[in-house]
Amino acid sequence: MPLLDIRDRLIVGLDVPTVEAAEEMVATLGDTVTFYKVGLQLTFAGGLAFAERLVDQGKKVFLDVKLLDIDNTVEHAVQNIAKLGMHFCTIHAYPRAMRAAVQGKGASDLRLLAVTVLTSMDESDLAAAGYAVGPAELVARRAADARAAGMNGIVCSPEEAGAMRAVVGAGMAIVTPGIRPAGSMLGDQKRIATPAAAIKAGADHLVVARPIIEAADPRAAAKAILSEIETASAI
C-alpha cells in the first residue's frame, strides 16, 4: 500500500439517523477528519445525495452498503455507484458477487472492499448460521477469494488483520471496524482492538463510529485516535 496521510487512515462512521445529524457531525469535526463512512442507516435517510455533497467538499467517502445479489444486479449497481465519486464500496465476499462487482467497476476509481466476517460475530454466531469454521479461517478463505476476484481490499476485524496481509498481499487495503479506544464501551462488537493495536497488526484504515460520534467532544475524540494512529505508525 502507498504511504497514507494519517488523517486518511481514520474513517469516521456517520451512523446517525438523519442527514441533518450527519451534517452537524461533519461540521463539528471540521478539517480534523477527511474520510467518512455512510452506511445503511444513513443511506436510507437521504444519505446518497449527502455522500455526493461530501465528495464535492473534498472529503473521501466509504459507501458501506454490503452488496449481495445476483450477478447482473450487483454489476449494474456498482456501475451506478462508480459514477457517484465514492472512494470505497463494500461487497459481501461471495466469489460471484465480487467478480460481478469488479466487472461493474470497470476502469473507474472506485475501490471495492470485500466484507469477510462482521466484527459483531464470533465462533458461536457462525456455528448458528451453519458455518463449520471459526472467524479466522472463514476470513482467510474470503480474503483469498477477494484477491482472486480482483477486489481492492477487505474488511475484517483487527484480530485477523495481521494474518491477512500475507493472504491479500501488499496491494490490497485492509480496513478494520471494531475499533475501541481503551475504556470504551464494546456495544455489539465482539472481535475488537484499540486503534494502536489495529495499526500495529497491519490495518491500513480504521473505521470508528460510536467512540467518536457519541463522545462529549467528538473532535477531541477524533484527534486522540489520530494521535494514537500516528504514534503506532511510527513504531
Protein backbone atom coordinates (compact mmCIF):
# COMPACT_ATOMS: atom_id res chain seq x y z
CA MET A 1 0.00 0.00 0.00
CA PRO A 2 1.22 3.55 -0.72
CA LEU A 3 2.03 5.78 2.22
CA LEU A 4 -1.21 7.23 3.61
CA ASP A 5 -1.88 10.63 5.13
CA ILE A 6 -2.53 9.97 8.84
CA ARG A 7 -5.97 11.61 8.63
CA ASP A 8 -6.97 9.33 5.75
CA ARG A 9 -6.31 6.29 7.93
CA LEU A 10 -9.26 7.20 10.17
CA ILE A 11 -12.72 6.68 8.69
CA VAL A 12 -15.49 8.11 10.85
CA GLY A 13 -18.74 6.17 10.61
CA LEU A 14 -21.69 8.53 10.34
CA ASP A 15 -24.06 6.05 11.97
CA VAL A 16 -26.71 8.67 12.73
CA PRO A 17 -30.45 8.70 11.91
CA THR A 18 -30.69 11.78 9.69
CA VAL A 19 -28.73 13.76 7.14
CA GLU A 20 -29.09 16.79 9.40
CA ALA A 21 -27.36 14.96 12.23
CA ALA A 22 -24.61 13.85 9.84
CA GLU A 23 -24.11 17.40 8.60
CA GLU A 24 -23.80 18.63 12.18
CA MET A 25 -21.21 15.97 12.96
CA VAL A 26 -19.15 16.81 9.87
CA ALA A 27 -19.25 20.49 10.81
CA THR A 28 -18.19 19.65 14.38
CA LEU A 29 -15.26 17.53 13.22
CA GLY A 30 -14.16 20.11 10.64
CA ASP A 31 -10.79 19.56 9.00
CA THR A 32 -9.77 17.05 11.67
CA VAL A 33 -11.48 14.31 9.65
CA THR A 34 -11.04 13.73 5.91
CA PHE A 35 -12.78 10.35 5.46
CA TYR A 36 -16.36 9.32 6.32
CA LYS A 37 -18.39 6.13 6.14
CA VAL A 38 -22.01 6.31 5.03
CA GLY A 39 -23.76 3.08 5.99
CA LEU A 40 -27.20 1.58 5.60
CA GLN A 41 -28.90 3.66 8.29
CA LEU A 42 -27.94 6.97 6.68
CA THR A 43 -28.23 5.69 3.12
CA PHE A 44 -31.96 5.13 3.63
CA ALA A 45 -32.39 8.62 5.07
CA GLY A 46 -31.14 10.56 2.06
CA GLY A 47 -27.54 9.56 2.57
CA LEU A 48 -26.58 9.03 -1.07
CA ALA A 49 -27.13 12.66 -2.02
CA PHE A 50 -25.38 13.68 1.20
CA ALA A 51 -22.42 11.42 0.33
CA GLU A 52 -22.10 13.13 -3.04
CA ARG A 53 -22.04 16.51 -1.29
CA LEU A 54 -19.23 15.28 0.95
CA VAL A 55 -17.25 14.32 -2.14
CA ASP A 56 -17.88 17.79 -3.60
CA GLN A 57 -16.46 19.23 -0.35
CA GLY A 58 -13.23 17.29 -0.88
CA LYS A 59 -13.95 14.51 1.62
CA LYS A 60 -13.41 10.82 0.90
CA VAL A 61 -16.46 8.61 1.31
CA PHE A 62 -16.76 4.93 2.13
CA LEU A 63 -20.20 3.76 0.96
CA ASP A 64 -20.87 0.79 3.21
CA VAL A 65 -23.87 -0.91 1.59
CA LYS A 66 -22.56 -4.50 1.60
CA LEU A 67 -24.00 -5.55 -1.74
CA LEU A 68 -25.05 -9.15 -2.32
CA ASP A 69 -27.44 -10.16 -5.08
CA ILE A 70 -27.50 -11.94 -8.42
CA ASP A 71 -24.55 -11.12 -10.66
CA ASN A 72 -26.43 -8.83 -13.02
CA THR A 73 -27.86 -6.74 -10.19
CA VAL A 74 -24.51 -6.36 -8.41
CA GLU A 75 -22.70 -5.45 -11.62
CA HIS A 76 -25.15 -2.71 -12.58
CA ALA A 77 -25.46 -1.39 -9.03
CA VAL A 78 -21.67 -0.96 -8.91
CA GLN A 79 -21.72 0.73 -12.31
CA ASN A 80 -24.01 3.37 -10.84
CA ILE A 81 -22.08 3.67 -7.58
CA ALA A 82 -18.88 4.25 -9.58
CA LYS A 83 -20.44 7.40 -11.03
CA LEU A 84 -21.00 8.94 -7.59
CA GLY A 85 -17.37 9.64 -6.73
CA MET A 86 -17.19 7.30 -3.74
CA HIS A 87 -13.75 6.08 -2.63
CA PHE A 88 -14.73 2.70 -1.11
CA CYS A 89 -17.79 0.48 -1.51
CA THR A 90 -18.43 -2.84 0.23
CA ILE A 91 -19.48 -6.15 -1.32
CA HIS A 92 -20.14 -9.31 0.67
CA ALA A 93 -17.26 -11.69 -0.03
CA TYR A 94 -19.06 -14.23 -2.17
CA PRO A 95 -16.94 -15.04 -5.26
CA ARG A 96 -19.62 -14.48 -7.90
CA ALA A 97 -20.80 -11.23 -6.32
CA MET A 98 -17.23 -9.95 -6.12
CA ARG A 99 -16.47 -10.84 -9.72
CA ALA A 100 -19.66 -9.10 -10.84
CA ALA A 101 -18.73 -6.01 -8.80
CA VAL A 102 -15.27 -5.88 -10.35
CA GLN A 103 -16.88 -6.10 -13.78
CA GLY A 104 -19.24 -3.26 -12.90
CA LYS A 105 -16.44 -1.08 -11.52
CA GLY A 106 -14.58 -1.22 -14.81
CA ALA A 107 -11.81 1.35 -15.12
CA SER A 108 -13.34 3.74 -12.56
CA ASP A 109 -11.50 4.94 -9.44
CA LEU A 110 -13.98 3.22 -7.11
CA ARG A 111 -12.22 0.81 -4.75
CA LEU A 112 -14.14 -2.33 -3.82
CA LEU A 113 -13.87 -3.86 -0.36
CA ALA A 114 -14.85 -7.44 0.41
CA VAL A 115 -16.70 -7.86 3.72
CA THR A 116 -15.32 -11.07 5.23
CA VAL A 117 -16.93 -11.69 8.64
CA LEU A 118 -18.76 -8.97 10.57
CA THR A 119 -17.00 -7.82 13.73
CA SER A 120 -20.18 -8.43 15.72
CA MET A 121 -19.93 -12.18 15.03
CA ASP A 122 -17.91 -14.78 16.91
CA GLU A 123 -17.49 -18.55 16.52
CA SER A 124 -20.85 -19.34 18.12
CA ASP A 125 -22.63 -16.91 15.78
CA LEU A 126 -21.02 -18.54 12.75
CA ALA A 127 -21.99 -22.00 14.02
CA ALA A 128 -25.58 -20.86 14.45
CA ALA A 129 -25.50 -19.60 10.85
CA GLY A 130 -24.38 -23.01 9.60
CA TYR A 131 -20.63 -22.46 9.19
CA ALA A 132 -18.32 -25.24 10.30
CA VAL A 133 -15.26 -22.99 10.70
CA GLY A 134 -14.37 -20.15 13.03
CA PRO A 135 -13.89 -16.47 12.15
CA ALA A 136 -10.15 -16.63 11.47
CA GLU A 137 -10.44 -19.47 8.94
CA LEU A 138 -13.51 -18.01 7.23
CA VAL A 139 -11.89 -14.57 6.97
CA ALA A 140 -8.79 -16.15 5.41
CA ARG A 141 -10.86 -18.06 2.85
CA ARG A 142 -12.86 -14.99 1.90
CA ALA A 143 -9.77 -12.80 1.74
CA ALA A 144 -8.18 -15.25 -0.69
CA ASP A 145 -11.36 -15.25 -2.77
CA ALA A 146 -11.33 -11.43 -2.77
CA ARG A 147 -7.79 -11.34 -4.09
CA ALA A 148 -8.62 -13.87 -6.79
CA ALA A 149 -11.67 -11.83 -7.84
CA GLY A 150 -9.63 -8.65 -8.28
CA MET A 151 -11.06 -6.73 -5.31
CA ASN A 152 -9.18 -3.69 -3.97
CA GLY A 153 -9.29 -4.63 -0.30
CA ILE A 154 -11.01 -6.44 2.51
CA VAL A 155 -12.92 -5.58 5.67
CA CYS A 156 -12.01 -7.74 8.64
CA SER A 157 -11.68 -7.38 12.38
CA PRO A 158 -8.37 -6.21 13.89
CA GLU A 159 -7.89 -9.73 15.25
CA GLU A 160 -7.36 -11.05 11.71
CA ALA A 161 -5.58 -8.05 10.17
CA GLY A 162 -2.04 -9.23 10.79
CA ALA A 163 -2.51 -12.67 9.27
CA MET A 164 -4.44 -11.30 6.29
CA ARG A 165 -1.56 -9.27 4.88
CA ALA A 166 0.12 -12.50 3.81
CA VAL A 167 -3.13 -13.60 2.17
CA VAL A 168 -4.02 -10.44 0.23
CA GLY A 169 -0.53 -9.11 -0.50
CA ALA A 170 0.81 -5.57 -0.33
CA GLY A 171 -1.52 -4.03 -2.91
CA MET A 172 -4.87 -4.56 -1.19
CA ALA A 173 -6.27 -2.39 1.59
CA ILE A 174 -7.11 -3.87 4.99
CA VAL A 175 -9.94 -1.93 6.61
CA THR A 176 -10.85 -2.71 10.21
CA PRO A 177 -14.02 -1.78 12.08
CA GLY A 178 -14.46 -2.93 15.66
CA ILE A 179 -12.08 -0.23 16.92
CA ARG A 180 -12.49 0.64 20.57
CA PRO A 181 -10.11 3.04 22.36
CA ALA A 182 -9.10 1.93 25.85
CA GLY A 183 -12.01 2.35 28.24
CA SER A 184 -14.70 2.47 25.54
CA MET A 185 -17.94 0.53 25.73
CA LEU A 186 -17.93 -2.56 23.48
CA GLY A 187 -21.57 -2.25 22.36
CA ASP A 188 -22.42 -5.09 19.97
CA GLN A 189 -18.82 -5.62 18.85
CA LYS A 190 -17.01 -8.83 19.74
CA ARG A 191 -13.74 -9.01 17.77
CA ILE A 192 -12.15 -5.67 18.64
CA ALA A 193 -8.87 -3.83 19.26
CA THR A 194 -7.60 -0.42 20.24
CA PRO A 195 -6.50 1.94 17.43
CA ALA A 196 -2.83 1.33 18.21
CA ALA A 197 -3.22 -2.44 18.23
CA ALA A 198 -5.08 -2.41 14.92
CA ILE A 199 -2.40 -0.29 13.24
CA LYS A 200 0.38 -2.48 14.62
CA ALA A 201 -1.49 -5.53 13.32
CA GLY A 202 -1.33 -4.12 9.80
CA ALA A 203 -4.60 -2.27 9.24
CA ASP A 204 -4.49 0.50 6.63
CA HIS A 205 -7.73 2.20 7.67
CA LEU A 206 -9.67 2.16 10.94
CA VAL A 207 -13.45 2.63 10.94
CA VAL A 208 -14.64 4.32 14.13
CA ALA A 209 -18.21 5.41 14.77
CA ARG A 210 -19.66 5.42 18.29
CA PRO A 211 -16.42 6.23 20.19
CA ILE A 212 -16.30 9.48 18.18
CA ILE A 213 -19.86 10.44 17.29
CA GLU A 214 -21.20 9.68 20.78
CA ALA A 215 -18.31 11.37 22.58
CA ALA A 216 -18.89 14.51 24.64
CA ASP A 217 -16.30 16.19 22.40
CA PRO A 218 -16.21 14.33 19.05
CA ARG A 219 -13.40 16.48 17.65
CA ALA A 220 -11.17 15.79 20.65
CA ALA A 221 -12.02 12.07 20.44
CA ALA A 222 -11.03 12.00 16.75
CA LYS A 223 -7.80 13.86 17.46
CA ALA A 224 -6.91 11.40 20.21
CA ILE A 225 -7.41 8.45 17.87
CA LEU A 226 -5.38 10.16 15.13
CA SER A 227 -2.57 10.73 17.62
CA GLU A 228 -2.68 7.05 18.57
CA ILE A 229 -2.58 6.07 14.89
CA GLU A 230 0.41 8.34 14.27
CA THR A 231 2.33 7.01 17.25
CA ALA A 232 1.62 3.38 16.34
CA SER A 233 2.56 4.00 12.70
CA ALA A 234 5.96 5.33 13.71
CA ILE A 235 6.91 2.26 15.74
